[in-house]
Amino acid sequence: MKRNLITGGAGFIGSHLAEALAAQGECVTAVDNLSTGRLENVAGLMGHSCFRFVHETVYNELVMDRLVSECDVIYHLAAVVGVDLVVSDPVNTIETNLNGTDIVLRLARRYHKPVLIASTSEVYGKSNAIPFREDGDRVMGPTTKSRWCYAESKAMDEFLALAYHNQFQVPVVICRFFNTVGPRQTGRYGMVIPRLCKQAVSGRPLT
């Protein structure tokens, strides 16, 4: 039975992943500080014999050390989410993305654990070279525009993950998510699709 550790496990993506893994008979530990994740997202798993929720930040290296040592694979989904939060709090965005990933990768190396790193399509930048390629040159906006701090901090996450793989043979998989959508997603932090759906069903203008 595989033991899975999901950071950001109470977010809408993490909670669906936890459910899918549990349905396959695997054990799941979900870690989330509930800054944007919601406990109700994992309410259906709380009674599951092989599910554990840990209300903690990925910054707590002592707790993360124990959790990583106990797991077989890590899904690192913890990050700042939503354009509103990225623009209004760029310091938290940069520190969360960089420091959280740094801790996860150091512990993955220590305990020889494979890691999936959730990145973003923002890393492709605004290049006109369509279709995008992972080995293509990237075109980014200026550092004076805080919206680009998310893309660049996620790009550094990728650099760091690949460096751990190349230097220390840590097994890593990097996924660049495009606009994700699904049940339990909220438009509270600037997610466009839930916001548009809510406006449409209430007969308000679409922004």
N, C-alpha and C. Protein backbone atom coordinates (compact mmCIF):
# COMPACT_ATOMS: atom_id res chain seq x y z
N MET A 1 0.85 -1.19 0.00
CA MET A 1 0.00 0.00 0.00
C MET A 1 0.89 1.24 0.00
N LYS A 2 0.73 2.08 -1.02
CA LYS A 2 1.56 3.28 -1.14
C LYS A 2 1.09 4.36 -0.18
N ARG A 3 2.05 5.06 0.43
CA ARG A 3 1.75 6.15 1.35
C ARG A 3 2.06 7.47 0.65
N ASN A 4 1.04 8.29 0.43
CA ASN A 4 1.16 9.53 -0.34
C ASN A 4 1.09 10.74 0.58
N LEU A 5 1.98 11.70 0.34
CA LEU A 5 1.96 12.96 1.07
C LEU A 5 1.60 14.06 0.09
N ILE A 6 0.53 14.81 0.39
CA ILE A 6 0.08 15.90 -0.48
C ILE A 6 0.19 17.20 0.28
N THR A 7 1.07 18.10 -0.15
CA THR A 7 1.09 19.44 0.43
C THR A 7 0.04 20.27 -0.31
N GLY A 8 -0.62 21.16 0.43
CA GLY A 8 -1.75 21.86 -0.18
C GLY A 8 -2.93 20.92 -0.38
N GLY A 9 -3.05 19.95 0.53
CA GLY A 9 -4.01 18.87 0.35
C GLY A 9 -5.45 19.21 0.58
N ALA A 10 -5.75 20.40 1.10
CA ALA A 10 -7.14 20.81 1.29
C ALA A 10 -7.59 21.80 0.23
N GLY A 11 -6.74 22.04 -0.76
CA GLY A 11 -7.16 22.83 -1.92
C GLY A 11 -8.06 21.98 -2.81
N PHE A 12 -8.66 22.58 -3.81
CA PHE A 12 -9.61 21.80 -4.59
C PHE A 12 -8.90 20.74 -5.44
N ILE A 13 -7.69 21.00 -5.90
CA ILE A 13 -6.95 19.98 -6.65
C ILE A 13 -6.45 18.90 -5.69
N GLY A 14 -5.84 19.31 -4.59
CA GLY A 14 -5.30 18.36 -3.63
C GLY A 14 -6.36 17.44 -3.06
N SER A 15 -7.55 17.99 -2.79
CA SER A 15 -8.61 17.16 -2.21
C SER A 15 -9.11 16.11 -3.20
N HIS A 16 -9.21 16.48 -4.48
CA HIS A 16 -9.62 15.50 -5.49
C HIS A 16 -8.55 14.43 -5.68
N LEU A 17 -7.28 14.84 -5.65
CA LEU A 17 -6.20 13.87 -5.75
C LEU A 17 -6.23 12.91 -4.57
N ALA A 18 -6.46 13.45 -3.37
CA ALA A 18 -6.53 12.61 -2.17
C ALA A 18 -7.66 11.59 -2.29
N GLU A 19 -8.80 12.02 -2.78
CA GLU A 19 -9.93 11.12 -2.95
C GLU A 19 -9.62 10.02 -3.96
N ALA A 20 -8.98 10.39 -5.06
CA ALA A 20 -8.66 9.41 -6.10
C ALA A 20 -7.67 8.37 -5.56
N LEU A 21 -6.68 8.82 -4.82
CA LEU A 21 -5.69 7.88 -4.26
C LEU A 21 -6.32 6.97 -3.21
N ALA A 22 -7.15 7.55 -2.36
CA ALA A 22 -7.82 6.75 -1.33
C ALA A 22 -8.74 5.71 -1.95
N ALA A 23 -9.40 6.08 -3.06
CA ALA A 23 -10.30 5.15 -3.74
C ALA A 23 -9.54 3.97 -4.33
N GLN A 24 -8.25 4.14 -4.57
CA GLN A 24 -7.41 3.06 -5.08
C GLN A 24 -6.81 2.22 -3.96
N GLY A 25 -7.19 2.54 -2.73
CA GLY A 25 -6.70 1.78 -1.60
C GLY A 25 -5.38 2.26 -1.05
N GLU A 26 -4.95 3.47 -1.44
CA GLU A 26 -3.68 4.00 -0.96
C GLU A 26 -3.90 4.91 0.25
N CYS A 27 -2.87 5.06 1.03
CA CYS A 27 -2.91 5.94 2.20
C CYS A 27 -2.50 7.35 1.80
N VAL A 28 -3.15 8.33 2.41
CA VAL A 28 -2.90 9.73 2.07
C VAL A 28 -2.75 10.55 3.34
N THR A 29 -1.70 11.36 3.37
CA THR A 29 -1.56 12.40 4.38
C THR A 29 -1.63 13.74 3.66
N ALA A 30 -2.61 14.57 4.02
CA ALA A 30 -2.79 15.88 3.40
C ALA A 30 -2.33 16.95 4.39
N VAL A 31 -1.43 17.81 3.93
CA VAL A 31 -0.92 18.90 4.76
C VAL A 31 -1.42 20.21 4.19
N ASP A 32 -2.00 21.06 5.02
CA ASP A 32 -2.50 22.35 4.53
C ASP A 32 -2.62 23.30 5.71
N ASN A 33 -2.23 24.56 5.51
CA ASN A 33 -2.39 25.55 6.57
C ASN A 33 -3.74 26.26 6.50
N LEU A 34 -4.56 25.87 5.50
CA LEU A 34 -5.92 26.40 5.32
C LEU A 34 -5.96 27.90 5.06
N SER A 35 -4.88 28.44 4.53
CA SER A 35 -4.90 29.86 4.17
C SER A 35 -5.82 30.09 2.97
N THR A 36 -5.82 29.17 2.04
CA THR A 36 -6.78 29.22 0.92
C THR A 36 -7.51 27.88 0.76
N GLY A 37 -6.92 26.80 1.23
CA GLY A 37 -7.62 25.52 1.23
C GLY A 37 -8.73 25.53 2.27
N ARG A 38 -9.67 24.59 2.15
CA ARG A 38 -10.80 24.53 3.06
C ARG A 38 -10.96 23.12 3.62
N LEU A 39 -11.20 23.05 4.92
CA LEU A 39 -11.33 21.75 5.56
C LEU A 39 -12.51 20.95 4.99
N GLU A 40 -13.56 21.66 4.59
CA GLU A 40 -14.71 20.95 4.03
C GLU A 40 -14.37 20.22 2.73
N ASN A 41 -13.29 20.63 2.06
CA ASN A 41 -12.88 19.94 0.84
C ASN A 41 -12.48 18.50 1.10
N VAL A 42 -12.00 18.22 2.29
CA VAL A 42 -11.58 16.85 2.63
C VAL A 42 -12.49 16.21 3.67
N ALA A 43 -13.66 16.83 3.91
CA ALA A 43 -14.57 16.31 4.93
C ALA A 43 -14.99 14.88 4.64
N GLY A 44 -15.16 14.55 3.36
CA GLY A 44 -15.59 13.21 2.99
C GLY A 44 -14.54 12.15 3.24
N LEU A 45 -13.31 12.56 3.50
CA LEU A 45 -12.23 11.62 3.75
C LEU A 45 -11.91 11.45 5.23
N MET A 46 -12.47 12.29 6.06
CA MET A 46 -12.06 12.33 7.46
C MET A 46 -12.28 11.00 8.19
N GLY A 47 -13.25 10.24 7.79
CA GLY A 47 -13.48 8.97 8.45
C GLY A 47 -12.77 7.80 7.80
N HIS A 48 -12.04 8.10 6.73
CA HIS A 48 -11.35 7.04 5.99
C HIS A 48 -10.20 6.48 6.83
N SER A 49 -10.08 5.17 6.84
CA SER A 49 -9.09 4.52 7.71
C SER A 49 -7.65 4.84 7.33
N CYS A 50 -7.43 5.25 6.09
CA CYS A 50 -6.06 5.50 5.65
C CYS A 50 -5.88 6.94 5.18
N PHE A 51 -6.64 7.86 5.79
CA PHE A 51 -6.48 9.29 5.48
C PHE A 51 -6.14 10.03 6.76
N ARG A 52 -5.18 10.96 6.63
CA ARG A 52 -4.79 11.79 7.76
C ARG A 52 -4.65 13.23 7.28
N PHE A 53 -5.27 14.15 8.02
CA PHE A 53 -5.12 15.57 7.71
C PHE A 53 -4.24 16.23 8.76
N VAL A 54 -3.26 16.98 8.31
CA VAL A 54 -2.34 17.69 9.20
C VAL A 54 -2.48 19.19 8.94
N HIS A 55 -3.00 19.91 9.93
CA HIS A 55 -3.16 21.37 9.82
C HIS A 55 -1.82 22.02 10.17
N GLU A 56 -1.03 22.26 9.14
CA GLU A 56 0.32 22.75 9.36
C GLU A 56 0.83 23.43 8.08
N THR A 57 1.80 24.29 8.24
CA THR A 57 2.42 24.93 7.10
C THR A 57 3.59 24.09 6.60
N VAL A 58 3.82 24.15 5.30
CA VAL A 58 4.95 23.44 4.71
C VAL A 58 6.27 24.01 5.21
N TYR A 59 6.23 25.21 5.81
CA TYR A 59 7.43 25.82 6.37
C TYR A 59 7.93 25.12 7.63
N ASN A 60 7.06 24.38 8.29
CA ASN A 60 7.47 23.72 9.54
C ASN A 60 8.32 22.50 9.20
N GLU A 61 9.62 22.71 9.17
CA GLU A 61 10.51 21.66 8.68
C GLU A 61 10.55 20.46 9.60
N LEU A 62 10.36 20.66 10.90
CA LEU A 62 10.36 19.52 11.81
C LEU A 62 9.19 18.58 11.52
N VAL A 63 8.01 19.17 11.32
CA VAL A 63 6.84 18.36 10.99
C VAL A 63 7.00 17.73 9.61
N MET A 64 7.44 18.51 8.65
CA MET A 64 7.60 18.00 7.30
C MET A 64 8.64 16.89 7.24
N ASP A 65 9.68 17.00 8.04
CA ASP A 65 10.71 15.96 8.08
C ASP A 65 10.08 14.62 8.47
N ARG A 66 9.26 14.64 9.50
CA ARG A 66 8.61 13.40 9.94
C ARG A 66 7.66 12.87 8.88
N LEU A 67 6.87 13.75 8.28
CA LEU A 67 5.88 13.31 7.29
C LEU A 67 6.55 12.76 6.04
N VAL A 68 7.61 13.41 5.58
CA VAL A 68 8.31 12.93 4.39
C VAL A 68 8.97 11.59 4.68
N SER A 69 9.52 11.43 5.87
CA SER A 69 10.17 10.16 6.21
C SER A 69 9.19 9.00 6.21
N GLU A 70 7.91 9.29 6.44
CA GLU A 70 6.89 8.24 6.53
C GLU A 70 6.21 7.92 5.20
N CYS A 71 6.44 8.73 4.19
CA CYS A 71 5.68 8.56 2.94
C CYS A 71 6.51 7.84 1.88
N ASP A 72 5.84 7.46 0.79
CA ASP A 72 6.51 6.84 -0.35
C ASP A 72 6.66 7.80 -1.52
N VAL A 73 5.75 8.76 -1.64
CA VAL A 73 5.79 9.72 -2.74
C VAL A 73 5.18 11.04 -2.27
N ILE A 74 5.69 12.14 -2.82
CA ILE A 74 5.24 13.48 -2.43
C ILE A 74 4.60 14.18 -3.63
N TYR A 75 3.41 14.72 -3.41
CA TYR A 75 2.77 15.60 -4.38
C TYR A 75 2.82 17.00 -3.79
N HIS A 76 3.68 17.85 -4.35
CA HIS A 76 3.88 19.19 -3.78
C HIS A 76 3.00 20.19 -4.51
N LEU A 77 1.83 20.45 -3.91
CA LEU A 77 0.86 21.37 -4.50
C LEU A 77 0.77 22.69 -3.74
N ALA A 78 1.43 22.79 -2.59
CA ALA A 78 1.31 23.99 -1.76
C ALA A 78 1.91 25.20 -2.48
N ALA A 79 1.11 26.24 -2.61
CA ALA A 79 1.55 27.47 -3.28
C ALA A 79 0.50 28.55 -3.06
N VAL A 80 0.88 29.77 -3.33
CA VAL A 80 -0.11 30.86 -3.35
C VAL A 80 -0.98 30.67 -4.59
N VAL A 81 -2.29 30.80 -4.42
CA VAL A 81 -3.19 30.62 -5.55
C VAL A 81 -4.05 31.86 -5.76
N GLY A 82 -4.33 32.16 -7.02
CA GLY A 82 -5.23 33.25 -7.34
C GLY A 82 -4.51 34.55 -7.65
N VAL A 83 -4.92 35.17 -8.73
CA VAL A 83 -4.29 36.41 -9.18
C VAL A 83 -4.40 37.51 -8.13
N ASP A 84 -5.54 37.58 -7.45
CA ASP A 84 -5.72 38.63 -6.44
C ASP A 84 -4.65 38.54 -5.35
N LEU A 85 -4.38 37.34 -4.86
CA LEU A 85 -3.38 37.18 -3.81
C LEU A 85 -1.97 37.44 -4.33
N VAL A 86 -1.70 37.01 -5.55
CA VAL A 86 -0.37 37.21 -6.13
C VAL A 86 -0.06 38.70 -6.24
N VAL A 87 -1.02 39.47 -6.72
CA VAL A 87 -0.80 40.90 -6.94
C VAL A 87 -0.78 41.67 -5.63
N SER A 88 -1.65 41.28 -4.68
CA SER A 88 -1.75 42.05 -3.44
C SER A 88 -0.68 41.70 -2.43
N ASP A 89 -0.09 40.51 -2.53
CA ASP A 89 0.89 40.08 -1.54
C ASP A 89 2.05 39.36 -2.22
N PRO A 90 2.85 40.09 -3.00
CA PRO A 90 3.94 39.44 -3.74
C PRO A 90 5.03 38.85 -2.84
N VAL A 91 5.27 39.44 -1.67
CA VAL A 91 6.29 38.89 -0.78
C VAL A 91 5.90 37.49 -0.34
N ASN A 92 4.67 37.32 0.08
CA ASN A 92 4.19 36.00 0.49
C ASN A 92 4.21 35.02 -0.67
N THR A 93 3.87 35.50 -1.86
CA THR A 93 3.88 34.66 -3.05
C THR A 93 5.27 34.10 -3.31
N ILE A 94 6.26 34.98 -3.32
CA ILE A 94 7.63 34.56 -3.62
C ILE A 94 8.16 33.64 -2.52
N GLU A 95 7.97 34.03 -1.26
CA GLU A 95 8.51 33.23 -0.17
C GLU A 95 7.83 31.87 -0.07
N THR A 96 6.53 31.82 -0.27
CA THR A 96 5.82 30.54 -0.20
C THR A 96 6.29 29.60 -1.29
N ASN A 97 6.34 30.11 -2.51
CA ASN A 97 6.73 29.25 -3.63
C ASN A 97 8.18 28.78 -3.52
N LEU A 98 9.08 29.68 -3.19
CA LEU A 98 10.50 29.31 -3.14
C LEU A 98 10.85 28.51 -1.89
N ASN A 99 10.47 29.02 -0.72
CA ASN A 99 10.88 28.37 0.53
C ASN A 99 10.20 27.03 0.73
N GLY A 100 8.92 26.96 0.37
CA GLY A 100 8.21 25.69 0.52
C GLY A 100 8.81 24.61 -0.34
N THR A 101 9.11 24.93 -1.58
CA THR A 101 9.70 23.95 -2.49
C THR A 101 11.11 23.57 -2.05
N ASP A 102 11.86 24.53 -1.56
CA ASP A 102 13.21 24.25 -1.05
C ASP A 102 13.17 23.21 0.06
N ILE A 103 12.26 23.38 1.01
CA ILE A 103 12.14 22.43 2.12
C ILE A 103 11.74 21.05 1.62
N VAL A 104 10.75 21.00 0.74
CA VAL A 104 10.26 19.72 0.23
C VAL A 104 11.36 18.97 -0.50
N LEU A 105 12.12 19.67 -1.33
CA LEU A 105 13.17 19.00 -2.11
C LEU A 105 14.33 18.56 -1.23
N ARG A 106 14.70 19.35 -0.25
CA ARG A 106 15.78 18.94 0.65
C ARG A 106 15.40 17.67 1.41
N LEU A 107 14.14 17.60 1.86
CA LEU A 107 13.69 16.42 2.58
C LEU A 107 13.53 15.22 1.65
N ALA A 108 13.10 15.47 0.43
CA ALA A 108 12.99 14.38 -0.55
C ALA A 108 14.36 13.78 -0.82
N ARG A 109 15.38 14.62 -0.88
CA ARG A 109 16.74 14.11 -1.05
C ARG A 109 17.17 13.31 0.17
N ARG A 110 16.88 13.84 1.35
CA ARG A 110 17.32 13.19 2.58
C ARG A 110 16.75 11.78 2.70
N TYR A 111 15.47 11.63 2.28
CA TYR A 111 14.81 10.33 2.48
C TYR A 111 14.58 9.57 1.16
N HIS A 112 15.15 10.08 0.09
CA HIS A 112 15.10 9.38 -1.21
C HIS A 112 13.65 9.16 -1.67
N LYS A 113 12.87 10.26 -1.69
CA LYS A 113 11.46 10.16 -2.06
C LYS A 113 11.21 10.87 -3.39
N PRO A 114 10.41 10.28 -4.28
CA PRO A 114 10.05 10.96 -5.53
C PRO A 114 9.06 12.09 -5.27
N VAL A 115 9.14 13.13 -6.08
CA VAL A 115 8.33 14.33 -5.87
C VAL A 115 7.69 14.77 -7.18
N LEU A 116 6.39 15.09 -7.12
CA LEU A 116 5.74 15.81 -8.20
C LEU A 116 5.66 17.27 -7.80
N ILE A 117 6.19 18.15 -8.65
CA ILE A 117 6.17 19.60 -8.41
C ILE A 117 5.08 20.23 -9.26
N ALA A 118 4.12 20.87 -8.61
CA ALA A 118 3.07 21.57 -9.35
C ALA A 118 3.59 22.94 -9.76
N SER A 119 3.81 23.12 -11.06
CA SER A 119 4.24 24.41 -11.58
C SER A 119 3.04 25.07 -12.28
N THR A 120 3.29 25.94 -13.22
CA THR A 120 2.21 26.71 -13.83
C THR A 120 2.53 27.03 -15.28
N SER A 121 1.47 27.17 -16.07
CA SER A 121 1.65 27.59 -17.46
C SER A 121 2.19 29.01 -17.56
N GLU A 122 2.12 29.76 -16.46
CA GLU A 122 2.70 31.10 -16.45
C GLU A 122 4.20 31.07 -16.75
N VAL A 123 4.84 29.94 -16.47
CA VAL A 123 6.28 29.82 -16.73
C VAL A 123 6.59 29.98 -18.22
N TYR A 124 5.65 29.64 -19.08
CA TYR A 124 5.87 29.83 -20.52
C TYR A 124 6.01 31.31 -20.88
N GLY A 125 5.49 32.19 -20.02
CA GLY A 125 5.60 33.63 -20.28
C GLY A 125 4.66 34.09 -21.37
N LYS A 126 5.06 35.12 -22.10
CA LYS A 126 4.21 35.68 -23.16
C LYS A 126 4.87 35.57 -24.53
N SER A 127 5.55 34.47 -24.72
CA SER A 127 6.16 34.21 -26.02
C SER A 127 5.09 34.02 -27.09
N ASN A 128 5.39 34.43 -28.31
CA ASN A 128 4.49 34.22 -29.44
C ASN A 128 4.81 32.93 -30.18
N ALA A 129 5.76 32.16 -29.68
CA ALA A 129 6.14 30.90 -30.31
C ALA A 129 5.14 29.82 -29.89
N ILE A 130 4.10 29.67 -30.70
CA ILE A 130 3.03 28.71 -30.41
C ILE A 130 3.17 27.53 -31.35
N PRO A 131 3.02 26.29 -30.91
CA PRO A 131 2.73 25.89 -29.53
C PRO A 131 3.93 26.05 -28.62
N PHE A 132 3.65 26.24 -27.31
CA PHE A 132 4.72 26.36 -26.35
C PHE A 132 5.52 25.07 -26.26
N ARG A 133 6.79 25.21 -25.94
CA ARG A 133 7.67 24.05 -25.75
C ARG A 133 8.42 24.21 -24.43
N GLU A 134 8.62 23.09 -23.76
CA GLU A 134 9.34 23.15 -22.49
C GLU A 134 10.79 23.56 -22.68
N ASP A 135 11.34 23.32 -23.87
CA ASP A 135 12.72 23.72 -24.14
C ASP A 135 12.80 25.02 -24.93
N GLY A 136 11.68 25.72 -25.04
CA GLY A 136 11.66 26.99 -25.77
C GLY A 136 12.12 28.16 -24.91
N ASP A 137 12.56 29.23 -25.57
CA ASP A 137 12.92 30.44 -24.84
C ASP A 137 11.67 31.06 -24.22
N ARG A 138 11.86 31.68 -23.06
CA ARG A 138 10.74 32.29 -22.35
C ARG A 138 10.82 33.81 -22.44
N VAL A 139 9.67 34.46 -22.58
CA VAL A 139 9.58 35.91 -22.59
C VAL A 139 8.73 36.33 -21.40
N MET A 140 9.32 37.09 -20.48
CA MET A 140 8.63 37.49 -19.27
C MET A 140 8.43 39.00 -19.23
N GLY A 141 7.47 39.42 -18.41
CA GLY A 141 7.23 40.84 -18.23
C GLY A 141 8.24 41.45 -17.27
N PRO A 142 8.14 42.76 -17.03
CA PRO A 142 9.12 43.46 -16.19
C PRO A 142 8.94 43.12 -14.71
N THR A 143 10.03 43.26 -13.96
CA THR A 143 9.98 42.99 -12.52
C THR A 143 9.15 44.03 -11.77
N THR A 144 8.82 45.14 -12.41
CA THR A 144 7.98 46.15 -11.77
C THR A 144 6.51 45.75 -11.76
N LYS A 145 6.15 44.72 -12.48
CA LYS A 145 4.78 44.19 -12.49
C LYS A 145 4.73 42.95 -11.60
N SER A 146 4.06 43.08 -10.45
CA SER A 146 4.12 42.00 -9.46
C SER A 146 3.48 40.71 -9.94
N ARG A 147 2.63 40.76 -10.95
CA ARG A 147 1.99 39.53 -11.42
C ARG A 147 3.02 38.53 -11.92
N TRP A 148 4.18 39.01 -12.38
CA TRP A 148 5.19 38.10 -12.92
C TRP A 148 5.98 37.39 -11.83
N CYS A 149 5.85 37.81 -10.57
CA CYS A 149 6.59 37.15 -9.51
C CYS A 149 6.12 35.71 -9.34
N TYR A 150 4.87 35.43 -9.66
CA TYR A 150 4.37 34.06 -9.55
C TYR A 150 5.05 33.18 -10.58
N ALA A 151 5.08 33.64 -11.83
CA ALA A 151 5.71 32.87 -12.90
C ALA A 151 7.19 32.64 -12.61
N GLU A 152 7.88 33.69 -12.17
CA GLU A 152 9.32 33.57 -11.96
C GLU A 152 9.66 32.72 -10.74
N SER A 153 8.86 32.82 -9.68
CA SER A 153 9.14 31.97 -8.52
C SER A 153 8.85 30.51 -8.85
N LYS A 154 7.84 30.26 -9.66
CA LYS A 154 7.56 28.89 -10.09
C LYS A 154 8.65 28.38 -11.04
N ALA A 155 9.18 29.26 -11.86
CA ALA A 155 10.30 28.87 -12.72
C ALA A 155 11.50 28.48 -11.87
N MET A 156 11.75 29.23 -10.80
CA MET A 156 12.85 28.87 -9.90
C MET A 156 12.58 27.54 -9.20
N ASP A 157 11.31 27.26 -8.89
CA ASP A 157 10.96 25.94 -8.36
C ASP A 157 11.39 24.84 -9.33
N GLU A 158 11.13 25.08 -10.62
CA GLU A 158 11.51 24.09 -11.63
C GLU A 158 13.03 23.95 -11.73
N PHE A 159 13.73 25.08 -11.74
CA PHE A 159 15.20 25.03 -11.77
C PHE A 159 15.73 24.22 -10.59
N LEU A 160 15.16 24.49 -9.40
CA LEU A 160 15.63 23.82 -8.20
C LEU A 160 15.33 22.32 -8.26
N ALA A 161 14.14 21.97 -8.71
CA ALA A 161 13.77 20.55 -8.82
C ALA A 161 14.68 19.82 -9.80
N LEU A 162 14.95 20.44 -10.94
CA LEU A 162 15.83 19.81 -11.93
C LEU A 162 17.27 19.73 -11.42
N ALA A 163 17.67 20.73 -10.64
CA ALA A 163 19.02 20.69 -10.06
C ALA A 163 19.15 19.54 -9.06
N TYR A 164 18.13 19.34 -8.24
CA TYR A 164 18.15 18.21 -7.31
C TYR A 164 18.16 16.89 -8.07
N HIS A 165 17.46 16.83 -9.18
CA HIS A 165 17.46 15.61 -9.97
C HIS A 165 18.83 15.37 -10.60
N ASN A 166 19.40 16.40 -11.20
CA ASN A 166 20.67 16.24 -11.92
C ASN A 166 21.85 16.01 -10.98
N GLN A 167 21.86 16.70 -9.84
CA GLN A 167 22.99 16.59 -8.92
C GLN A 167 22.85 15.44 -7.93
N PHE A 168 21.62 15.19 -7.47
CA PHE A 168 21.43 14.24 -6.38
C PHE A 168 20.51 13.08 -6.73
N GLN A 169 20.08 13.02 -8.00
CA GLN A 169 19.24 11.93 -8.50
C GLN A 169 17.90 11.82 -7.77
N VAL A 170 17.37 12.94 -7.29
CA VAL A 170 16.03 12.93 -6.71
C VAL A 170 15.03 12.77 -7.86
N PRO A 171 14.16 11.77 -7.81
CA PRO A 171 13.17 11.61 -8.88
C PRO A 171 12.13 12.73 -8.82
N VAL A 172 12.04 13.52 -9.87
CA VAL A 172 11.08 14.63 -9.90
C VAL A 172 10.25 14.59 -11.18
N VAL A 173 9.02 15.00 -11.05
CA VAL A 173 8.13 15.23 -12.19
C VAL A 173 7.59 16.64 -12.04
N ILE A 174 7.65 17.43 -13.10
CA ILE A 174 7.16 18.81 -13.07
C ILE A 174 5.92 18.91 -13.96
N CYS A 175 4.83 19.40 -13.40
CA CYS A 175 3.59 19.59 -14.16
C CYS A 175 3.29 21.08 -14.24
N ARG A 176 3.16 21.60 -15.45
CA ARG A 176 2.77 23.00 -15.61
C ARG A 176 1.26 23.07 -15.83
N PHE A 177 0.54 23.37 -14.75
CA PHE A 177 -0.92 23.44 -14.83
C PHE A 177 -1.34 24.70 -15.59
N PHE A 178 -2.31 24.52 -16.48
CA PHE A 178 -3.00 25.67 -17.07
C PHE A 178 -4.18 26.00 -16.17
N ASN A 179 -5.07 26.88 -16.57
CA ASN A 179 -6.21 27.23 -15.72
C ASN A 179 -6.94 25.96 -15.31
N THR A 180 -6.84 25.61 -14.04
CA THR A 180 -7.51 24.42 -13.54
C THR A 180 -8.91 24.79 -13.08
N VAL A 181 -9.84 23.86 -13.23
CA VAL A 181 -11.22 24.14 -12.84
C VAL A 181 -11.88 22.85 -12.41
N GLY A 182 -12.80 22.95 -11.48
CA GLY A 182 -13.51 21.76 -11.04
C GLY A 182 -14.33 22.03 -9.81
N PRO A 183 -15.04 20.99 -9.34
CA PRO A 183 -15.83 21.12 -8.11
C PRO A 183 -14.98 21.59 -6.94
N ARG A 184 -15.58 22.38 -6.06
CA ARG A 184 -14.96 22.92 -4.84
C ARG A 184 -14.07 24.12 -5.11
N GLN A 185 -13.84 24.47 -6.37
CA GLN A 185 -13.03 25.66 -6.64
C GLN A 185 -13.84 26.90 -6.32
N THR A 186 -13.17 27.88 -5.76
CA THR A 186 -13.82 29.13 -5.42
C THR A 186 -13.27 30.26 -6.28
N GLY A 187 -14.08 31.25 -6.56
CA GLY A 187 -13.63 32.42 -7.29
C GLY A 187 -13.13 33.52 -6.38
N ARG A 188 -13.00 33.20 -5.09
CA ARG A 188 -12.69 34.21 -4.07
C ARG A 188 -11.37 34.92 -4.30
N TYR A 189 -10.38 34.20 -4.86
CA TYR A 189 -9.04 34.78 -4.98
C TYR A 189 -8.70 35.18 -6.42
N GLY A 190 -9.73 35.33 -7.25
CA GLY A 190 -9.50 35.80 -8.60
C GLY A 190 -9.55 34.72 -9.66
N MET A 191 -9.95 33.48 -9.29
CA MET A 191 -10.04 32.43 -10.29
C MET A 191 -11.16 32.78 -11.27
N VAL A 192 -10.85 32.77 -12.55
CA VAL A 192 -11.74 33.39 -13.53
C VAL A 192 -12.99 32.56 -13.80
N ILE A 193 -12.85 31.24 -13.93
CA ILE A 193 -14.01 30.45 -14.38
C ILE A 193 -15.12 30.41 -13.32
N PRO A 194 -14.82 30.13 -12.04
CA PRO A 194 -15.90 30.19 -11.04
C PRO A 194 -16.56 31.56 -10.95
N ARG A 195 -15.74 32.60 -11.11
CA ARG A 195 -16.29 33.96 -11.04
C ARG A 195 -17.25 34.22 -12.20
N LEU A 196 -16.86 33.82 -13.41
CA LEU A 196 -17.72 34.01 -14.57
C LEU A 196 -19.00 33.19 -14.45
N CYS A 197 -18.89 31.96 -13.97
CA CYS A 197 -20.08 31.11 -13.81
C CYS A 197 -21.06 31.72 -12.82
N LYS A 198 -20.56 32.23 -11.72
CA LYS A 198 -21.42 32.83 -10.71
C LYS A 198 -22.11 34.07 -11.27
N GLN A 199 -21.39 34.87 -12.04
CA GLN A 199 -21.99 36.05 -12.64
C GLN A 199 -23.07 35.66 -13.66
N ALA A 200 -22.77 34.60 -14.43
CA ALA A 200 -23.71 34.18 -15.48
C ALA A 200 -25.03 33.69 -14.89
N VAL A 201 -24.95 32.83 -13.87
CA VAL A 201 -26.19 32.26 -13.32
C VAL A 201 -26.99 33.29 -12.55
N SER A 202 -26.35 34.37 -12.10
CA SER A 202 -27.09 35.41 -11.40
C SER A 202 -27.50 36.56 -12.31
N GLY A 203 -27.20 36.41 -13.62
CA GLY A 203 -27.64 37.40 -14.60
C GLY A 203 -26.86 38.70 -14.58
N ARG A 204 -25.67 38.69 -13.97
CA ARG A 204 -24.84 39.90 -13.93
C ARG A 204 -23.90 39.95 -15.12
N PRO A 205 -23.39 41.14 -15.44
CA PRO A 205 -22.44 41.24 -16.56
C PRO A 205 -21.19 40.41 -16.29
N LEU A 206 -20.65 39.83 -17.35
CA LEU A 206 -19.42 39.06 -17.23
C LEU A 206 -18.22 39.99 -17.32
N THR A 207 -17.33 39.94 -16.34
CA THR A 207 -16.17 40.82 -16.32
C THR A 207 -14.97 40.10 -16.92
